[in-house]
Amino acid sequence: MATNLPSTPPNTPLYRRLARRLQERIDAGGYPAGARLPSEPELSAEFGVNRLTVRQAVAELERAAVVEIRRGVGTFVRPPAVRVSIAVDPRSQRFDLGSVHEALPEGEQGDGEFVVAAPPVTGSAEDEEAARQLGRAPDGLSRLDSVIRLGGRARAACSYWVPFGPLPAELVRPGHAGNLVRDLARAAGMELEYDWRAFGAIGADLTDAELLGVPAGTPLLVREGVSCTPDGTPSLYVRRRIDGSSARFVLHFRER
């Protein structure tokens, strides 16, 4: 006898009802993290649906990052996403000490921020935006790209632009870094304060998809902004793209 599928809400496509039932089993521990789901024929027989419906349901779970389809091997349950809450206090967090870096919890060996490259500043859209925000020509800027790793995988791709150069060799050398916001400020002999921060979302382009190990188009949280010297001179433009399944930003407006 076929297993019944949920019938609510009304007019829900059959494949989504099947996806919901499989999600319920995963949430209840019926299919733990790392477990292989039954094959298409097995699920088709159990739920009394055709294999196309099963395929659509599994694809729905893959889009939701619940399962991973390994071609020629099977479909496996992914570990639950570890979400990092990054607190940003707009009242008291005046000085830019690298708040995202500071907010990350202590992780595994091999976690932290890693310099990827110091690419030349060209006429890309990102470089042009940095030049506009810092009030400089693109050829007057230096850029540094990095990734932040947590829990053994890349969680954020970061780009920094500063109106000076060349950057010190120890900063641009690929590999584990300290706190790049602080290090860039020290390299220029500056003290930085927040000017503004903005939050948004984009789909991962091919470069960020490769850096973060996610499919192109994966939703990314974007935190960008300018920091300035105490006299108000814009001196750092930062753009971080963060795997949306791994982090959230929390704004606190009351004393804690």
C-alpha atoms as a PDB file:
ATOM      1  CA  MET A   1       0.000   0.000   0.000  1.00  0.00           C
ATOM      2  CA  ALA A   2       1.385   3.390  -1.027  1.00  0.00           C
ATOM      3  CA  THR A   3       2.289   5.927   1.663  1.00  0.00           C
ATOM      4  CA  ASN A   4      -0.097   8.892   1.688  1.00  0.00           C
ATOM      5  CA  LEU A   5       1.214  12.335   0.859  1.00  0.00           C
ATOM      6  CA  PRO A   6       0.136  15.568   2.608  1.00  0.00           C
ATOM      7  CA  SER A   7      -2.787  17.226   0.826  1.00  0.00           C
ATOM      8  CA  THR A   8      -2.404  20.750   2.185  1.00  0.00           C
ATOM      9  CA  PRO A   9      -2.172  23.484   1.163  1.00  0.00           C
ATOM     10  CA  PRO A  10      -4.729  22.921  -1.611  1.00  0.00           C
ATOM     11  CA  ASN A  11      -3.545  22.669  -5.222  1.00  0.00           C
ATOM     12  CA  THR A  12       0.039  21.909  -4.170  1.00  0.00           C
ATOM     13  CA  PRO A  13       1.813  20.049  -7.005  1.00  0.00           C
ATOM     14  CA  LEU A  14       2.380  16.370  -6.315  1.00  0.00           C
ATOM     15  CA  TYR A  15       6.173  16.642  -6.465  1.00  0.00           C
ATOM     16  CA  ARG A  16       6.159  19.367  -3.800  1.00  0.00           C
ATOM     17  CA  ARG A  17       3.948  17.251  -1.561  1.00  0.00           C
ATOM     18  CA  LEU A  18       6.442  14.418  -1.944  1.00  0.00           C
ATOM     19  CA  ALA A  19       9.350  16.784  -1.271  1.00  0.00           C
ATOM     20  CA  ARG A  20       7.593  17.961   1.900  1.00  0.00           C
ATOM     21  CA  ARG A  21       7.099  14.393   3.107  1.00  0.00           C
ATOM     22  CA  LEU A  22      10.764  13.567   2.489  1.00  0.00           C
ATOM     23  CA  GLN A  23      11.759  16.778   4.282  1.00  0.00           C
ATOM     24  CA  GLU A  24       9.637  15.717   7.268  1.00  0.00           C
ATOM     25  CA  ARG A  25      11.423  12.374   7.400  1.00  0.00           C
ATOM     26  CA  ILE A  26      14.806  14.066   7.245  1.00  0.00           C
ATOM     27  CA  ASP A  27      13.836  16.514  10.003  1.00  0.00           C
ATOM     28  CA  ALA A  28      12.609  13.619  12.170  1.00  0.00           C
ATOM     29  CA  GLY A  29      15.890  11.746  11.740  1.00  0.00           C
ATOM     30  CA  GLY A  30      14.493   9.074   9.447  1.00  0.00           C
ATOM     31  CA  TYR A  31      17.229   9.958   6.976  1.00  0.00           C
ATOM     32  CA  PRO A  32      20.146  11.348   9.036  1.00  0.00           C
ATOM     33  CA  ALA A  33      22.896  13.572   7.647  1.00  0.00           C
ATOM     34  CA  GLY A  34      25.050  11.601   5.229  1.00  0.00           C
ATOM     35  CA  ALA A  35      22.388   8.942   4.647  1.00  0.00           C
ATOM     36  CA  ARG A  36      21.562   7.868   1.121  1.00  0.00           C
ATOM     37  CA  LEU A  37      17.936   8.344   0.086  1.00  0.00           C
ATOM     38  CA  PRO A  38      16.091   5.377  -1.417  1.00  0.00           C
ATOM     39  CA  SER A  39      16.401   5.092  -5.188  1.00  0.00           C
ATOM     40  CA  GLU A  40      13.882   6.558  -7.623  1.00  0.00           C
ATOM     41  CA  PRO A  41      12.170   3.171  -8.182  1.00  0.00           C
ATOM     42  CA  GLU A  42      11.955   2.575  -4.419  1.00  0.00           C
ATOM     43  CA  LEU A  43      10.414   5.992  -3.707  1.00  0.00           C
ATOM     44  CA  SER A  44       8.114   5.643  -6.706  1.00  0.00           C
ATOM     45  CA  ALA A  45       6.807   2.323  -5.382  1.00  0.00           C
ATOM     46  CA  GLU A  46       6.488   3.520  -1.778  1.00  0.00           C
ATOM     47  CA  PHE A  47       4.511   6.666  -2.554  1.00  0.00           C
ATOM     48  CA  GLY A  48       2.621   5.463  -5.628  1.00  0.00           C
ATOM     49  CA  VAL A  49       3.943   8.177  -7.944  1.00  0.00           C
ATOM     50  CA  ASN A  50       5.871   8.032 -11.198  1.00  0.00           C
ATOM     51  CA  ARG A  51       9.629   8.435 -11.375  1.00  0.00           C
ATOM     52  CA  LEU A  52       9.389  11.909 -12.924  1.00  0.00           C
ATOM     53  CA  THR A  53       7.549  13.108  -9.807  1.00  0.00           C
ATOM     54  CA  VAL A  54      10.263  11.579  -7.622  1.00  0.00           C
ATOM     55  CA  ARG A  55      12.960  13.256  -9.714  1.00  0.00           C
ATOM     56  CA  GLN A  56      11.230  16.645  -9.413  1.00  0.00           C
ATOM     57  CA  ALA A  57      10.818  16.235  -5.643  1.00  0.00           C
ATOM     58  CA  VAL A  58      14.479  15.376  -5.147  1.00  0.00           C
ATOM     59  CA  ALA A  59      15.506  18.327  -7.342  1.00  0.00           C
ATOM     60  CA  GLU A  60      13.360  20.567  -5.121  1.00  0.00           C
ATOM     61  CA  LEU A  61      15.221  19.312  -2.050  1.00  0.00           C
ATOM     62  CA  GLU A  62      18.545  19.867  -3.794  1.00  0.00           C
ATOM     63  CA  ARG A  63      17.615  23.491  -4.578  1.00  0.00           C
ATOM     64  CA  ALA A  64      16.793  23.926  -0.885  1.00  0.00           C
ATOM     65  CA  ALA A  65      20.268  22.557   0.021  1.00  0.00           C
ATOM     66  CA  VAL A  66      18.663  19.644   1.906  1.00  0.00           C
ATOM     67  CA  VAL A  67      20.220  16.896  -0.204  1.00  0.00           C
ATOM     68  CA  GLU A  68      23.179  16.480  -2.521  1.00  0.00           C
ATOM     69  CA  ILE A  69      22.800  14.581  -5.791  1.00  0.00           C
ATOM     70  CA  ARG A  70      25.949  12.679  -6.724  1.00  0.00           C
ATOM     71  CA  ARG A  71      25.581  11.592 -10.320  1.00  0.00           C
ATOM     72  CA  GLY A  72      25.950   7.864 -10.729  1.00  0.00           C
ATOM     73  CA  VAL A  73      26.140   7.330  -6.958  1.00  0.00           C
ATOM     74  CA  GLY A  74      22.901   8.470  -5.343  1.00  0.00           C
ATOM     75  CA  THR A  75      21.241  11.236  -3.355  1.00  0.00           C
ATOM     76  CA  PHE A  76      22.542  11.998   0.131  1.00  0.00           C
ATOM     77  CA  VAL A  77      21.219  14.093   3.012  1.00  0.00           C
ATOM     78  CA  ARG A  78      23.335  17.171   3.644  1.00  0.00           C
ATOM     79  CA  PRO A  79      24.309  18.209   7.188  1.00  0.00           C
ATOM     80  CA  PRO A  80      22.104  20.983   8.581  1.00  0.00           C
ATOM     81  CA  ALA A  81      23.423  24.455   7.839  1.00  0.00           C
ATOM     82  CA  VAL A  82      25.393  26.102  10.629  1.00  0.00           C
ATOM     83  CA  ARG A  83      24.219  29.710  10.801  1.00  0.00           C
ATOM     84  CA  VAL A  84      26.498  32.346  12.281  1.00  0.00           C
ATOM     85  CA  SER A  85      24.794  35.388  13.799  1.00  0.00           C
ATOM     86  CA  ILE A  86      26.884  38.505  13.157  1.00  0.00           C
ATOM     87  CA  ALA A  87      25.815  41.258  15.544  1.00  0.00           C
ATOM     88  CA  VAL A  88      26.099  44.839  14.332  1.00  0.00           C
ATOM     89  CA  ASP A  89      25.304  47.548  16.888  1.00  0.00           C
ATOM     90  CA  PRO A  90      24.641  50.810  14.990  1.00  0.00           C
ATOM     91  CA  ARG A  91      24.710  52.833  18.227  1.00  0.00           C
ATOM     92  CA  SER A  92      27.997  51.816  19.759  1.00  0.00           C
ATOM     93  CA  GLN A  93      30.069  50.084  17.100  1.00  0.00           C
ATOM     94  CA  ARG A  94      31.766  53.229  15.913  1.00  0.00           C
ATOM     95  CA  PHE A  95      35.265  52.028  15.200  1.00  0.00           C
ATOM     96  CA  ASP A  96      35.854  49.596  12.367  1.00  0.00           C
ATOM     97  CA  LEU A  97      37.865  46.758  13.862  1.00  0.00           C
ATOM     98  CA  GLY A  98      36.672  44.158  11.388  1.00  0.00           C
ATOM     99  CA  SER A  99      33.327  43.332  13.022  1.00  0.00           C
ATOM    100  CA  VAL A 100      32.488  40.365  10.799  1.00  0.00           C
ATOM    101  CA  HIS A 101      35.889  38.847  11.511  1.00  0.00           C
ATOM    102  CA  GLU A 102      35.545  39.538  15.243  1.00  0.00           C
ATOM    103  CA  ALA A 103      32.032  38.059  15.398  1.00  0.00           C
ATOM    104  CA  LEU A 104      32.953  34.680  13.969  1.00  0.00           C
ATOM    105  CA  PRO A 105      33.145  31.987  16.646  1.00  0.00           C
ATOM    106  CA  GLU A 106      36.279  29.980  17.235  1.00  0.00           C
ATOM    107  CA  GLY A 107      36.251  27.217  14.662  1.00  0.00           C
ATOM    108  CA  GLU A 108      38.298  24.273  13.542  1.00  0.00           C
ATOM    109  CA  GLN A 109      41.946  24.187  12.631  1.00  0.00           C
ATOM    110  CA  GLY A 110      42.245  25.743   9.198  1.00  0.00           C
ATOM    111  CA  ASP A 111      39.458  28.259   9.833  1.00  0.00           C
ATOM    112  CA  GLY A 112      39.941  32.013   9.588  1.00  0.00           C
ATOM    113  CA  GLU A 113      40.515  34.550   6.831  1.00  0.00           C
ATOM    114  CA  PHE A 114      42.753  33.672   3.898  1.00  0.00           C
ATOM    115  CA  VAL A 115      44.184  36.022   1.282  1.00  0.00           C
ATOM    116  CA  VAL A 116      43.354  34.766  -2.201  1.00  0.00           C
ATOM    117  CA  ALA A 117      44.789  37.453  -4.475  1.00  0.00           C
ATOM    118  CA  ALA A 118      45.687  41.112  -4.870  1.00  0.00           C
ATOM    119  CA  PRO A 119      44.282  41.658  -8.365  1.00  0.00           C
ATOM    120  CA  PRO A 120      44.988  44.836 -10.312  1.00  0.00           C
ATOM    121  CA  VAL A 121      42.214  47.412 -10.163  1.00  0.00           C
ATOM    122  CA  THR A 122      40.745  47.592 -13.651  1.00  0.00           C
ATOM    123  CA  GLY A 123      37.504  48.837 -15.129  1.00  0.00           C
ATOM    124  CA  SER A 124      35.252  46.145 -13.646  1.00  0.00           C
ATOM    125  CA  ALA A 125      31.906  47.198 -12.208  1.00  0.00           C
ATOM    126  CA  GLU A 126      33.112  46.429  -8.664  1.00  0.00           C
ATOM    127  CA  ASP A 127      36.303  48.457  -9.136  1.00  0.00           C
ATOM    128  CA  GLU A 128      34.371  51.392 -10.588  1.00  0.00           C
ATOM    129  CA  GLU A 129      31.987  51.334  -7.621  1.00  0.00           C
ATOM    130  CA  ALA A 130      34.918  51.279  -5.192  1.00  0.00           C
ATOM    131  CA  ALA A 131      36.497  54.237  -6.986  1.00  0.00           C
ATOM    132  CA  ARG A 132      33.223  56.150  -6.803  1.00  0.00           C
ATOM    133  CA  GLN A 133      32.768  55.449  -3.099  1.00  0.00           C
ATOM    134  CA  LEU A 134      36.336  56.432  -2.229  1.00  0.00           C
ATOM    135  CA  GLY A 135      36.385  59.466  -4.508  1.00  0.00           C
ATOM    136  CA  ARG A 136      39.476  58.299  -6.382  1.00  0.00           C
ATOM    137  CA  ALA A 137      40.354  57.148  -9.873  1.00  0.00           C
ATOM    138  CA  PRO A 138      40.555  53.353 -10.201  1.00  0.00           C
ATOM    139  CA  ASP A 139      44.293  53.500 -10.903  1.00  0.00           C
ATOM    140  CA  GLY A 140      44.785  55.144  -7.497  1.00  0.00           C
ATOM    141  CA  LEU A 141      43.368  52.158  -5.603  1.00  0.00           C
ATOM    142  CA  SER A 142      44.740  48.842  -4.374  1.00  0.00           C
ATOM    143  CA  ARG A 143      42.581  45.749  -3.965  1.00  0.00           C
ATOM    144  CA  LEU A 144      42.842  42.647  -1.793  1.00  0.00           C
ATOM    145  CA  ASP A 145      40.575  39.576  -2.074  1.00  0.00           C
ATOM    146  CA  SER A 146      40.097  36.940   0.619  1.00  0.00           C
ATOM    147  CA  VAL A 147      37.833  34.156   1.824  1.00  0.00           C
ATOM    148  CA  ILE A 148      36.674  33.483   5.382  1.00  0.00           C
ATOM    149  CA  ARG A 149      36.557  29.804   6.299  1.00  0.00           C
ATOM    150  CA  LEU A 150      34.491  28.405   9.158  1.00  0.00           C
ATOM    151  CA  GLY A 151      33.712  24.814  10.034  1.00  0.00           C
ATOM    152  CA  GLY A 152      36.127  23.569   7.403  1.00  0.00           C
ATOM    153  CA  ARG A 153      34.566  25.360   4.425  1.00  0.00           C
ATOM    154  CA  ALA A 154      34.521  28.785   2.793  1.00  0.00           C
ATOM    155  CA  ARG A 155      31.651  30.937   4.086  1.00  0.00           C
ATOM    156  CA  ALA A 156      32.408  34.421   2.734  1.00  0.00           C
ATOM    157  CA  ALA A 157      34.257  36.013  -0.173  1.00  0.00           C
ATOM    158  CA  CYS A 158      35.646  39.445   0.688  1.00  0.00           C
ATOM    159  CA  SER A 159      37.118  42.311  -1.324  1.00  0.00           C
ATOM    160  CA  TYR A 160      38.877  45.361   0.125  1.00  0.00           C
ATOM    161  CA  TRP A 161      39.831  48.560  -1.708  1.00  0.00           C
ATOM    162  CA  VAL A 162      42.125  51.238  -0.241  1.00  0.00           C
ATOM    163  CA  PRO A 163      43.369  54.531  -1.757  1.00  0.00           C
ATOM    164  CA  PHE A 164      47.062  53.767  -1.400  1.00  0.00           C
ATOM    165  CA  GLY A 165      49.648  51.306  -2.620  1.00  0.00           C
ATOM    166  CA  PRO A 166      51.527  49.244  -3.260  1.00  0.00           C
ATOM    167  CA  LEU A 167      50.327  47.021  -0.439  1.00  0.00           C
ATOM    168  CA  PRO A 168      52.990  45.460   1.829  1.00  0.00           C
ATOM    169  CA  ALA A 169      54.215  42.069   0.629  1.00  0.00           C
ATOM    170  CA  GLU A 170      53.168  40.377   3.867  1.00  0.00           C
ATOM    171  CA  LEU A 171      49.549  41.467   3.284  1.00  0.00           C
ATOM    172  CA  VAL A 172      49.210  40.279  -0.306  1.00  0.00           C
ATOM    173  CA  ARG A 173      50.909  36.917   0.175  1.00  0.00           C
ATOM    174  CA  PRO A 174      48.266  34.168  -0.357  1.00  0.00           C
ATOM    175  CA  GLY A 175      47.483  32.187   2.764  1.00  0.00           C
ATOM    176  CA  HIS A 176      46.174  32.614   6.285  1.00  0.00           C
ATOM    177  CA  ALA A 177      45.739  36.235   7.334  1.00  0.00           C
ATOM    178  CA  GLY A 178      45.018  37.925  10.615  1.00  0.00           C
ATOM    179  CA  ASN A 179      42.370  40.639  10.626  1.00  0.00           C
ATOM    180  CA  LEU A 180      42.713  42.342   7.255  1.00  0.00           C
ATOM    181  CA  VAL A 181      40.733  45.450   8.205  1.00  0.00           C
ATOM    182  CA  ARG A 182      43.104  46.140  11.075  1.00  0.00           C
ATOM    183  CA  ASP A 183      46.165  45.183   9.050  1.00  0.00           C
ATOM    184  CA  LEU A 184      45.249  47.477   6.145  1.00  0.00           C
ATOM    185  CA  ALA A 185      44.627  50.351   8.557  1.00  0.00           C
ATOM    186  CA  ARG A 186      47.964  49.777  10.276  1.00  0.00           C
ATOM    187  CA  ALA A 187      49.787  49.579   6.952  1.00  0.00           C
ATOM    188  CA  ALA A 188      48.538  53.077   6.141  1.00  0.00           C
ATOM    189  CA  GLY A 189      48.914  54.417   9.682  1.00  0.00           C
ATOM    190  CA  MET A 190      45.167  55.084   9.849  1.00  0.00           C
ATOM    191  CA  GLU A 191      42.421  54.775  12.429  1.00  0.00           C
ATOM    192  CA  LEU A 192      39.144  53.817  10.778  1.00  0.00           C
ATOM    193  CA  GLU A 193      35.569  54.650  11.714  1.00  0.00           C
ATOM    194  CA  TYR A 194      32.348  53.452  10.127  1.00  0.00           C
ATOM    195  CA  ASP A 195      30.885  55.804   7.553  1.00  0.00           C
ATOM    196  CA  TRP A 196      28.049  53.606   6.274  1.00  0.00           C
ATOM    197  CA  ARG A 197      27.079  49.957   5.811  1.00  0.00           C
ATOM    198  CA  ALA A 198      24.479  48.472   3.463  1.00  0.00           C
ATOM    199  CA  PHE A 199      22.984  44.987   3.194  1.00  0.00           C
ATOM    200  CA  GLY A 200      21.631  43.204   0.158  1.00  0.00           C
ATOM    201  CA  ALA A 201      21.492  39.902  -1.685  1.00  0.00           C
ATOM    202  CA  ILE A 202      22.745  38.613  -5.031  1.00  0.00           C
ATOM    203  CA  GLY A 203      23.180  35.327  -6.848  1.00  0.00           C
ATOM    204  CA  ALA A 204      26.722  33.940  -6.829  1.00  0.00           C
ATOM    205  CA  ASP A 205      28.616  34.659 -10.038  1.00  0.00           C
ATOM    206  CA  LEU A 206      31.104  32.138 -11.394  1.00  0.00           C
ATOM    207  CA  THR A 207      34.038  33.604  -9.445  1.00  0.00           C
ATOM    208  CA  ASP A 208      32.255  33.637  -6.081  1.00  0.00           C
ATOM    209  CA  ALA A 209      30.722  30.224  -6.774  1.00  0.00           C
ATOM    210  CA  GLU A 210      34.214  28.799  -7.233  1.00  0.00           C
ATOM    211  CA  LEU A 211      35.594  30.548  -4.130  1.00  0.00           C
ATOM    212  CA  LEU A 212      32.714  29.427  -1.910  1.00  0.00           C
ATOM    213  CA  GLY A 213      32.214  25.984  -3.414  1.00  0.00           C
ATOM    214  CA  VAL A 214      28.534  26.613  -4.212  1.00  0.00           C
ATOM    215  CA  PRO A 215      26.529  26.426  -7.453  1.00  0.00           C
ATOM    216  CA  ALA A 216      26.383  29.585  -9.539  1.00  0.00           C
ATOM    217  CA  GLY A 217      23.257  31.535  -8.650  1.00  0.00           C
ATOM    218  CA  THR A 218      23.305  30.495  -4.973  1.00  0.00           C
ATOM    219  CA  PRO A 219      21.837  33.325  -2.826  1.00  0.00           C
ATOM    220  CA  LEU A 220      24.563  35.356  -1.138  1.00  0.00           C
ATOM    221  CA  LEU A 221      24.167  37.999   1.549  1.00  0.00           C
ATOM    222  CA  VAL A 222      26.091  41.145   0.669  1.00  0.00           C
ATOM    223  CA  ARG A 223      27.487  43.524   3.263  1.00  0.00           C
ATOM    224  CA  GLU A 224      29.287  46.509   1.825  1.00  0.00           C
ATOM    225  CA  GLY A 225      30.347  49.863   3.113  1.00  0.00           C
ATOM    226  CA  VAL A 226      32.895  52.600   3.555  1.00  0.00           C
ATOM    227  CA  SER A 227      35.101  53.352   6.539  1.00  0.00           C
ATOM    228  CA  CYS A 228      36.763  56.716   6.950  1.00  0.00           C
ATOM    229  CA  THR A 229      39.496  58.383   8.962  1.00  0.00           C
ATOM    230  CA  PRO A 230      38.453  60.573  11.936  1.00  0.00           C
ATOM    231  CA  ASP A 231      38.470  63.651   9.675  1.00  0.00           C
ATOM    232  CA  GLY A 232      35.881  62.010   7.405  1.00  0.00           C
ATOM    233  CA  THR A 233      38.129  60.974   4.505  1.00  0.00           C
ATOM    234  CA  PRO A 234      36.824  57.754   2.861  1.00  0.00           C
ATOM    235  CA  SER A 235      39.696  55.283   3.176  1.00  0.00           C
ATOM    236  CA  LEU A 236      38.340  51.728   2.903  1.00  0.00           C
ATOM    237  CA  TYR A 237      35.604  50.170   0.796  1.00  0.00           C
ATOM    238  CA  VAL A 238      34.648  46.606   1.745  1.00  0.00           C
ATOM    239  CA  ARG A 239      32.346  44.196  -0.041  1.00  0.00           C
ATOM    240  CA  ARG A 240      31.619  40.793   1.534  1.00  0.00           C
ATOM    241  CA  ARG A 241      29.521  38.091  -0.143  1.00  0.00           C
ATOM    242  CA  ILE A 242      28.362  35.503   2.379  1.00  0.00           C
ATOM    243  CA  ASP A 243      26.710  32.134   1.789  1.00  0.00           C
ATOM    244  CA  GLY A 244      23.099  32.846   2.749  1.00  0.00           C
ATOM    245  CA  SER A 245      22.667  29.395   4.300  1.00  0.00           C
ATOM    246  CA  SER A 246      25.523  30.040   6.722  1.00  0.00           C
ATOM    247  CA  ALA A 247      25.000  33.461   8.267  1.00  0.00           C
ATOM    248  CA  ARG A 248      22.607  36.201   9.181  1.00  0.00           C
ATOM    249  CA  PHE A 249      23.093  39.791  10.339  1.00  0.00           C
ATOM    250  CA  VAL A 250      21.450  40.943  13.559  1.00  0.00           C
ATOM    251  CA  LEU A 251      21.025  44.657  14.281  1.00  0.00           C
ATOM    252  CA  HIS A 252      20.684  45.524  17.980  1.00  0.00           C
ATOM    253  CA  PHE A 253      18.984  48.825  18.818  1.00  0.00           C
ATOM    254  CA  ARG A 254      18.651  48.427  22.589  1.00  0.00           C
ATOM    255  CA  GLU A 255      21.249  48.049  25.303  1.00  0.00           C
ATOM    256  CA  ARG A 256      22.013  44.390  25.970  1.00  0.00           C
END
